[in-house]
């Protein structure tokens, strides 16, 4: 898995999650997250574990409390831990 692409996708998803409704509607954010989750469902077990590891590392590096929490919630929200 390309770590740069994974980190970029993760940052985008977290930014959507943390955006206010004036910037991005709740509906649009939900649709984009669902589309990402559907696509990520095709990952192999190894790729899924690698992505979760990248998300976990990014959460540990996050300085902002809200961003850290969004990163902690992301694997479950994307259906990676099911």
PDB file of N, CA and C in Angstrom:
ATOM      1  N   UNK A   1       0.849  -1.175   0.000  1.00  0.00           N
ATOM      2  CA  UNK A   1       0.000   0.000   0.000  1.00  0.00           C
ATOM      3  C   UNK A   1       0.894   1.238   0.000  1.00  0.00           C
ATOM      4  N   UNK A   2       0.530   2.194  -0.792  1.00  0.00           N
ATOM      5  CA  UNK A   2       1.275   3.442  -0.854  1.00  0.00           C
ATOM      6  C   UNK A   2       0.891   4.312   0.346  1.00  0.00           C
ATOM      7  N   UNK A   3       1.834   4.535   1.241  1.00  0.00           N
ATOM      8  CA  UNK A   3       1.564   5.263   2.489  1.00  0.00           C
ATOM      9  C   UNK A   3       1.174   6.710   2.232  1.00  0.00           C
ATOM     10  N   UNK A   4       1.744   7.335   1.219  1.00  0.00           N
ATOM     11  CA  UNK A   4       1.403   8.729   0.927  1.00  0.00           C
ATOM     12  C   UNK A   4      -0.048   8.836   0.485  1.00  0.00           C
ATOM     13  N   UNK A   5      -0.477   7.933  -0.384  1.00  0.00           N
ATOM     14  CA  UNK A   5      -1.867   7.948  -0.837  1.00  0.00           C
ATOM     15  C   UNK A   5      -2.799   7.632   0.333  1.00  0.00           C
ATOM     16  N   UNK A   6      -2.431   6.664   1.159  1.00  0.00           N
ATOM     17  CA  UNK A   6      -3.256   6.311   2.319  1.00  0.00           C
ATOM     18  C   UNK A   6      -3.392   7.494   3.268  1.00  0.00           C
ATOM     19  N   UNK A   7      -2.291   8.157   3.574  1.00  0.00           N
ATOM     20  CA  UNK A   7      -2.327   9.311   4.479  1.00  0.00           C
ATOM     21  C   UNK A   7      -3.171  10.444   3.893  1.00  0.00           C
ATOM     22  N   UNK A   8      -3.078  10.647   2.590  1.00  0.00           N
ATOM     23  CA  UNK A   8      -3.861  11.691   1.938  1.00  0.00           C
ATOM     24  C   UNK A   8      -5.353  11.388   2.048  1.00  0.00           C
ATOM     25  N   UNK A   9      -5.734  10.153   1.780  1.00  0.00           N
ATOM     26  CA  UNK A   9      -7.134   9.753   1.905  1.00  0.00           C
ATOM     27  C   UNK A   9      -7.622   9.910   3.342  1.00  0.00           C
ATOM     28  N   UNK A  10      -6.816   9.486   4.283  1.00  0.00           N
ATOM     29  CA  UNK A  10      -7.180   9.586   5.696  1.00  0.00           C
ATOM     30  C   UNK A  10      -7.367  11.042   6.100  1.00  0.00           C
ATOM     31  N   UNK A  11      -6.439  11.905   5.702  1.00  0.00           N
ATOM     32  CA  UNK A  11      -6.556  13.331   6.016  1.00  0.00           C
ATOM     33  C   UNK A  11      -7.827  13.920   5.427  1.00  0.00           C
ATOM     34  N   UNK A  12      -8.135  13.543   4.198  1.00  0.00           N
ATOM     35  CA  UNK A  12      -9.350  14.032   3.550  1.00  0.00           C
ATOM     36  C   UNK A  12     -10.593  13.591   4.322  1.00  0.00           C
ATOM     37  N   UNK A  13     -10.644  12.326   4.700  1.00  0.00           N
ATOM     38  CA  UNK A  13     -11.806  11.815   5.430  1.00  0.00           C
ATOM     39  C   UNK A  13     -11.944  12.472   6.801  1.00  0.00           C
ATOM     40  N   UNK A  14     -10.838  12.683   7.479  1.00  0.00           N
ATOM     41  CA  UNK A  14     -10.882  13.335   8.789  1.00  0.00           C
ATOM     42  C   UNK A  14     -11.297  14.794   8.630  1.00  0.00           C
ATOM     43  N   UNK A  15     -10.792  15.460   7.620  1.00  0.00           N
ATOM     44  CA  UNK A  15     -11.184  16.850   7.383  1.00  0.00           C
ATOM     45  C   UNK A  15     -12.675  16.954   7.089  1.00  0.00           C
ATOM     46  N   UNK A  16     -13.203  16.009   6.336  1.00  0.00           N
ATOM     47  CA  UNK A  16     -14.653  15.991   6.083  1.00  0.00           C
ATOM     48  C   UNK A  16     -15.422  15.814   7.390  1.00  0.00           C
ATOM     49  N   UNK A  17     -14.951  14.886   8.210  1.00  0.00           N
ATOM     50  CA  UNK A  17     -15.607  14.611   9.491  1.00  0.00           C
ATOM     51  C   UNK A  17     -15.610  15.844  10.387  1.00  0.00           C
ATOM     52  N   UNK A  18     -14.542  16.593  10.374  1.00  0.00           N
ATOM     53  CA  UNK A  18     -14.399  17.726  11.277  1.00  0.00           C
ATOM     54  C   UNK A  18     -14.909  19.044  10.690  1.00  0.00           C
ATOM     55  N   UNK A  19     -15.312  19.031   9.433  1.00  0.00           N
ATOM     56  CA  UNK A  19     -15.769  20.274   8.812  1.00  0.00           C
ATOM     57  C   UNK A  19     -17.137  20.667   9.354  1.00  0.00           C
ATOM     58  N   UNK A  20     -17.391  21.971   9.344  1.00  0.00           N
ATOM     59  CA  UNK A  20     -18.713  22.422   9.781  1.00  0.00           C
ATOM     60  C   UNK A  20     -19.690  22.332   8.612  1.00  0.00           C
ATOM     61  N   UNK A  21     -20.968  22.380   8.935  1.00  0.00           N
ATOM     62  CA  UNK A  21     -22.000  22.173   7.923  1.00  0.00           C
ATOM     63  C   UNK A  21     -22.023  23.290   6.884  1.00  0.00           C
ATOM     64  N   UNK A  22     -21.488  24.446   7.214  1.00  0.00           N
ATOM     65  CA  UNK A  22     -21.418  25.529   6.234  1.00  0.00           C
ATOM     66  C   UNK A  22     -20.389  25.216   5.148  1.00  0.00           C
ATOM     67  N   UNK A  23     -19.369  24.485   5.495  1.00  0.00           N
ATOM     68  CA  UNK A  23     -18.321  24.136   4.531  1.00  0.00           C
ATOM     69  C   UNK A  23     -18.702  22.926   3.690  1.00  0.00           C
ATOM     70  N   UNK A  24     -19.180  21.888   4.353  1.00  0.00           N
ATOM     71  CA  UNK A  24     -19.566  20.649   3.690  1.00  0.00           C
ATOM     72  C   UNK A  24     -20.828  20.141   4.369  1.00  0.00           C
ATOM     73  N   UNK A  25     -21.842  19.872   3.577  1.00  0.00           N
ATOM     74  CA  UNK A  25     -23.083  19.399   4.184  1.00  0.00           C
ATOM     75  C   UNK A  25     -22.879  18.031   4.832  1.00  0.00           C
ATOM     76  N   UNK A  26     -23.662  17.767   5.835  1.00  0.00           N
ATOM     77  CA  UNK A  26     -23.593  16.480   6.529  1.00  0.00           C
ATOM     78  C   UNK A  26     -23.878  15.348   5.542  1.00  0.00           C
ATOM     79  N   UNK A  27     -24.846  15.564   4.677  1.00  0.00           N
ATOM     80  CA  UNK A  27     -25.221  14.542   3.700  1.00  0.00           C
ATOM     81  C   UNK A  27     -24.071  14.247   2.738  1.00  0.00           C
ATOM     82  N   UNK A  28     -23.428  15.298   2.241  1.00  0.00           N
ATOM     83  CA  UNK A  28     -22.313  15.101   1.309  1.00  0.00           C
ATOM     84  C   UNK A  28     -21.154  14.387   2.002  1.00  0.00           C
ATOM     85  N   UNK A  29     -20.857  14.785   3.210  1.00  0.00           N
ATOM     86  CA  UNK A  29     -19.790  14.148   3.967  1.00  0.00           C
ATOM     87  C   UNK A  29     -20.081  12.667   4.178  1.00  0.00           C
ATOM     88  N   UNK A  30     -21.325  12.348   4.523  1.00  0.00           N
ATOM     89  CA  UNK A  30     -21.713  10.956   4.758  1.00  0.00           C
ATOM     90  C   UNK A  30     -21.598  10.132   3.484  1.00  0.00           C
ATOM     91  N   UNK A  31     -22.032  10.679   2.367  1.00  0.00           N
ATOM     92  CA  UNK A  31     -21.962   9.959   1.090  1.00  0.00           C
ATOM     93  C   UNK A  31     -20.508   9.681   0.720  1.00  0.00           C
ATOM     94  N   UNK A  32     -19.654  10.678   0.874  1.00  0.00           N
ATOM     95  CA  UNK A  32     -18.238  10.484   0.549  1.00  0.00           C
ATOM     96  C   UNK A  32     -17.591   9.435   1.453  1.00  0.00           C
ATOM     97  N   UNK A  33     -17.909   9.465   2.734  1.00  0.00           N
ATOM     98  CA  UNK A  33     -17.361   8.475   3.667  1.00  0.00           C
ATOM     99  C   UNK A  33     -17.876   7.074   3.330  1.00  0.00           C
ATOM    100  N   UNK A  34     -19.150   6.968   2.981  1.00  0.00           N
ATOM    101  CA  UNK A  34     -19.714   5.666   2.609  1.00  0.00           C
ATOM    102  C   UNK A  34     -19.072   5.139   1.338  1.00  0.00           C
ATOM    103  N   UNK A  35     -18.838   6.022   0.366  1.00  0.00           N
ATOM    104  CA  UNK A  35     -18.178   5.604  -0.868  1.00  0.00           C
ATOM    105  C   UNK A  35     -16.761   5.101  -0.581  1.00  0.00           C
ATOM    106  N   UNK A  36     -16.048   5.821   0.279  1.00  0.00           N
ATOM    107  CA  UNK A  36     -14.695   5.396   0.646  1.00  0.00           C
ATOM    108  C   UNK A  36     -14.737   4.042   1.350  1.00  0.00           C
ATOM    109  N   UNK A  37     -15.678   3.876   2.272  1.00  0.00           N
ATOM    110  CA  UNK A  37     -15.794   2.611   3.006  1.00  0.00           C
ATOM    111  C   UNK A  37     -16.079   1.457   2.055  1.00  0.00           C
ATOM    112  N   UNK A  38     -16.935   1.696   1.077  1.00  0.00           N
ATOM    113  CA  UNK A  38     -17.256   0.655   0.097  1.00  0.00           C
ATOM    114  C   UNK A  38     -16.010   0.262  -0.693  1.00  0.00           C
ATOM    115  N   UNK A  39     -15.268   1.249  -1.153  1.00  0.00           N
ATOM    116  CA  UNK A  39     -14.047   0.964  -1.918  1.00  0.00           C
ATOM    117  C   UNK A  39     -13.013   0.251  -1.062  1.00  0.00           C
ATOM    118  N   UNK A  40     -12.865   0.685   0.181  1.00  0.00           N
ATOM    119  CA  UNK A  40     -11.873   0.082   1.066  1.00  0.00           C
ATOM    120  C   UNK A  40     -12.264  -1.331   1.478  1.00  0.00           C
ATOM    121  N   UNK A  41     -13.522  -1.687   1.304  1.00  0.00           N
ATOM    122  CA  UNK A  41     -13.969  -3.043   1.601  1.00  0.00           C
ATOM    123  C   UNK A  41     -13.290  -4.088   0.732  1.00  0.00           C
ATOM    124  N   UNK A  42     -12.702  -3.658  -0.386  1.00  0.00           N
ATOM    125  CA  UNK A  42     -12.023  -4.581  -1.289  1.00  0.00           C
ATOM    126  C   UNK A  42     -10.574  -4.858  -0.882  1.00  0.00           C
ATOM    127  N   UNK A  43     -10.107  -4.214   0.185  1.00  0.00           N
ATOM    128  CA  UNK A  43      -8.732  -4.443   0.639  1.00  0.00           C
ATOM    129  C   UNK A  43      -8.553  -5.861   1.157  1.00  0.00           C
ATOM    130  N   UNK A  44      -7.363  -6.390   0.949  1.00  0.00           N
ATOM    131  CA  UNK A  44      -7.030  -7.690   1.533  1.00  0.00           C
ATOM    132  C   UNK A  44      -6.858  -7.502   3.040  1.00  0.00           C
ATOM    133  N   UNK A  45      -6.808  -8.589   3.770  1.00  0.00           N
ATOM    134  CA  UNK A  45      -6.599  -8.508   5.221  1.00  0.00           C
ATOM    135  C   UNK A  45      -5.288  -7.804   5.549  1.00  0.00           C
ATOM    136  N   UNK A  46      -4.258  -8.081   4.766  1.00  0.00           N
ATOM    137  CA  UNK A  46      -2.956  -7.457   4.985  1.00  0.00           C
ATOM    138  C   UNK A  46      -3.026  -5.952   4.736  1.00  0.00           C
ATOM    139  N   UNK A  47      -3.672  -5.554   3.649  1.00  0.00           N
ATOM    140  CA  UNK A  47      -3.817  -4.129   3.328  1.00  0.00           C
ATOM    141  C   UNK A  47      -4.666  -3.413   4.369  1.00  0.00           C
ATOM    142  N   UNK A  48      -5.704  -4.088   4.812  1.00  0.00           N
ATOM    143  CA  UNK A  48      -6.583  -3.518   5.839  1.00  0.00           C
ATOM    144  C   UNK A  48      -5.792  -3.275   7.132  1.00  0.00           C
ATOM    145  N   UNK A  49      -4.994  -4.236   7.529  1.00  0.00           N
ATOM    146  CA  UNK A  49      -4.176  -4.094   8.740  1.00  0.00           C
ATOM    147  C   UNK A  49      -3.164  -2.962   8.577  1.00  0.00           C
ATOM    148  N   UNK A  50      -2.585  -2.855   7.386  1.00  0.00           N
ATOM    149  CA  UNK A  50      -1.620  -1.781   7.126  1.00  0.00           C
ATOM    150  C   UNK A  50      -2.302  -0.415   7.202  1.00  0.00           C
ATOM    151  N   UNK A  51      -3.495  -0.296   6.639  1.00  0.00           N
ATOM    152  CA  UNK A  51      -4.225   0.970   6.689  1.00  0.00           C
ATOM    153  C   UNK A  51      -4.591   1.330   8.124  1.00  0.00           C
ATOM    154  N   UNK A  52      -5.053   0.365   8.889  1.00  0.00           N
ATOM    155  CA  UNK A  52      -5.368   0.611  10.300  1.00  0.00           C
ATOM    156  C   UNK A  52      -4.118   1.060  11.045  1.00  0.00           C
ATOM    157  N   UNK A  53      -2.984   0.461  10.740  1.00  0.00           N
ATOM    158  CA  UNK A  53      -1.727   0.853  11.373  1.00  0.00           C
ATOM    159  C   UNK A  53      -1.372   2.302  11.037  1.00  0.00           C
ATOM    160  N   UNK A  54      -1.556   2.696   9.800  1.00  0.00           N
ATOM    161  CA  UNK A  54      -1.278   4.077   9.392  1.00  0.00           C
ATOM    162  C   UNK A  54      -2.216   5.034  10.114  1.00  0.00           C
ATOM    163  N   UNK A  55      -3.494   4.681  10.195  1.00  0.00           N
ATOM    164  CA  UNK A  55      -4.463   5.530  10.891  1.00  0.00           C
ATOM    165  C   UNK A  55      -4.084   5.664  12.365  1.00  0.00           C
ATOM    166  N   UNK A  56      -3.714   4.551  12.988  1.00  0.00           N
ATOM    167  CA  UNK A  56      -3.316   4.562  14.400  1.00  0.00           C
ATOM    168  C   UNK A  56      -2.101   5.458  14.613  1.00  0.00           C
ATOM    169  N   UNK A  57      -1.116   5.328  13.739  1.00  0.00           N
ATOM    170  CA  UNK A  57       0.080   6.161  13.838  1.00  0.00           C
ATOM    171  C   UNK A  57      -0.274   7.641  13.690  1.00  0.00           C
ATOM    172  N   UNK A  58      -1.142   7.958  12.741  1.00  0.00           N
ATOM    173  CA  UNK A  58      -1.545   9.345  12.544  1.00  0.00           C
ATOM    174  C   UNK A  58      -2.281   9.876  13.775  1.00  0.00           C
ATOM    175  N   UNK A  59      -3.076   9.025  14.408  1.00  0.00           N
ATOM    176  CA  UNK A  59      -3.766   9.425  15.629  1.00  0.00           C
ATOM    177  C   UNK A  59      -2.800   9.734  16.752  1.00  0.00           C
ATOM    178  N   UNK A  60      -1.758   8.935  16.851  1.00  0.00           N
ATOM    179  CA  UNK A  60      -0.739   9.161  17.885  1.00  0.00           C
ATOM    180  C   UNK A  60       0.042  10.449  17.631  1.00  0.00           C
ATOM    181  N   UNK A  61       0.184  10.818  16.372  1.00  0.00           N
ATOM    182  CA  UNK A  61       0.923  12.023  15.994  1.00  0.00           C
ATOM    183  C   UNK A  61       0.072  13.295  16.051  1.00  0.00           C
ATOM    184  N   UNK A  62      -1.249  13.131  16.053  1.00  0.00           N
ATOM    185  CA  UNK A  62      -2.142  14.284  15.989  1.00  0.00           C
ATOM    186  C   UNK A  62      -2.030  15.127  17.250  1.00  0.00           C
ATOM    187  N   UNK A  63      -1.871  16.421  17.070  1.00  0.00           N
ATOM    188  CA  UNK A  63      -1.774  17.333  18.206  1.00  0.00           C
ATOM    189  C   UNK A  63      -3.131  17.815  18.681  1.00  0.00           C
ATOM    190  N   UNK A  64      -4.084  17.851  17.766  1.00  0.00           N
ATOM    191  CA  UNK A  64      -5.419  18.340  18.068  1.00  0.00           C
ATOM    192  C   UNK A  64      -6.293  17.204  18.614  1.00  0.00           C
ATOM    193  N   UNK A  65      -6.964  17.472  19.729  1.00  0.00           N
ATOM    194  CA  UNK A  65      -7.792  16.458  20.393  1.00  0.00           C
ATOM    195  C   UNK A  65      -8.907  15.946  19.486  1.00  0.00           C
ATOM    196  N   UNK A  66      -9.592  16.852  18.786  1.00  0.00           N
ATOM    197  CA  UNK A  66     -10.693  16.444  17.904  1.00  0.00           C
ATOM    198  C   UNK A  66     -10.193  15.588  16.747  1.00  0.00           C
ATOM    199  N   UNK A  67      -9.057  15.970  16.168  1.00  0.00           N
ATOM    200  CA  UNK A  67      -8.477  15.202  15.065  1.00  0.00           C
ATOM    201  C   UNK A  67      -8.046  13.823  15.561  1.00  0.00           C
ATOM    202  N   UNK A  68      -7.446  13.771  16.735  1.00  0.00           N
ATOM    203  CA  UNK A  68      -7.024  12.492  17.314  1.00  0.00           C
ATOM    204  C   UNK A  68      -8.232  11.577  17.509  1.00  0.00           C
ATOM    205  N   UNK A  69      -9.321  12.126  18.041  1.00  0.00           N
ATOM    206  CA  UNK A  69     -10.530  11.320  18.260  1.00  0.00           C
ATOM    207  C   UNK A  69     -11.123  10.846  16.938  1.00  0.00           C
ATOM    208  N   UNK A  70     -11.156  11.722  15.947  1.00  0.00           N
ATOM    209  CA  UNK A  70     -11.681  11.335  14.630  1.00  0.00           C
ATOM    210  C   UNK A  70     -10.851  10.202  14.037  1.00  0.00           C
ATOM    211  N   UNK A  71      -9.541  10.271  14.211  1.00  0.00           N
ATOM    212  CA  UNK A  71      -8.669   9.206  13.711  1.00  0.00           C
ATOM    213  C   UNK A  71      -8.890   7.906  14.471  1.00  0.00           C
ATOM    214  N   UNK A  72      -9.103   7.991  15.766  1.00  0.00           N
ATOM    215  CA  UNK A  72      -9.362   6.782  16.564  1.00  0.00           C
ATOM    216  C   UNK A  72     -10.664   6.118  16.133  1.00  0.00           C
ATOM    217  N   UNK A  73     -11.652   6.913  15.738  1.00  0.00           N
ATOM    218  CA  UNK A  73     -12.960   6.395  15.345  1.00  0.00           C
ATOM    219  C   UNK A  73     -13.008   5.928  13.886  1.00  0.00           C
ATOM    220  N   UNK A  74     -12.029   6.355  13.090  1.00  0.00           N
ATOM    221  CA  UNK A  74     -12.078   6.114  11.649  1.00  0.00           C
ATOM    222  C   UNK A  74     -12.090   4.644  11.238  1.00  0.00           C
ATOM    223  N   UNK A  75     -11.240   3.776  11.771  1.00  0.00           N
ATOM    224  CA  UNK A  75     -11.268   2.381  11.317  1.00  0.00           C
ATOM    225  C   UNK A  75     -12.651   1.735  11.468  1.00  0.00           C
ATOM    226  N   UNK A  76     -13.290   1.961  12.591  1.00  0.00           N
ATOM    227  CA  UNK A  76     -14.625   1.382  12.785  1.00  0.00           C
ATOM    228  C   UNK A  76     -15.633   2.041  11.849  1.00  0.00           C
ATOM    229  N   UNK A  77     -15.539   3.365  11.708  1.00  0.00           N
ATOM    230  CA  UNK A  77     -16.460   4.094  10.838  1.00  0.00           C
ATOM    231  C   UNK A  77     -16.377   3.674   9.390  1.00  0.00           C
ATOM    232  N   UNK A  78     -15.206   3.238   8.970  1.00  0.00           N
ATOM    233  CA  UNK A  78     -15.019   2.787   7.589  1.00  0.00           C
ATOM    234  C   UNK A  78     -15.249   1.278   7.440  1.00  0.00           C
ATOM    235  N   UNK A  79     -15.600   0.623   8.530  1.00  0.00           N
ATOM    236  CA  UNK A  79     -15.845  -0.813   8.466  1.00  0.00           C
ATOM    237  C   UNK A  79     -14.577  -1.636   8.335  1.00  0.00           C
ATOM    238  N   UNK A  80     -13.447  -1.082   8.754  1.00  0.00           N
ATOM    239  CA  UNK A  80     -12.183  -1.803   8.647  1.00  0.00           C
ATOM    240  C   UNK A  80     -11.985  -2.814   9.764  1.00  0.00           C
ATOM    241  N   UNK A  81     -12.706  -2.652  10.858  1.00  0.00           N
ATOM    242  CA  UNK A  81     -12.506  -3.513  12.029  1.00  0.00           C
ATOM    243  C   UNK A  81     -13.583  -4.577  12.151  1.00  0.00           C
ATOM    244  N   UNK A  82     -14.452  -4.667  11.191  1.00  0.00           N
ATOM    245  CA  UNK A  82     -15.548  -5.645  11.277  1.00  0.00           C
ATOM    246  C   UNK A  82     -15.094  -7.010  10.840  1.00  0.00           C
TER     247      UNK A  82
END
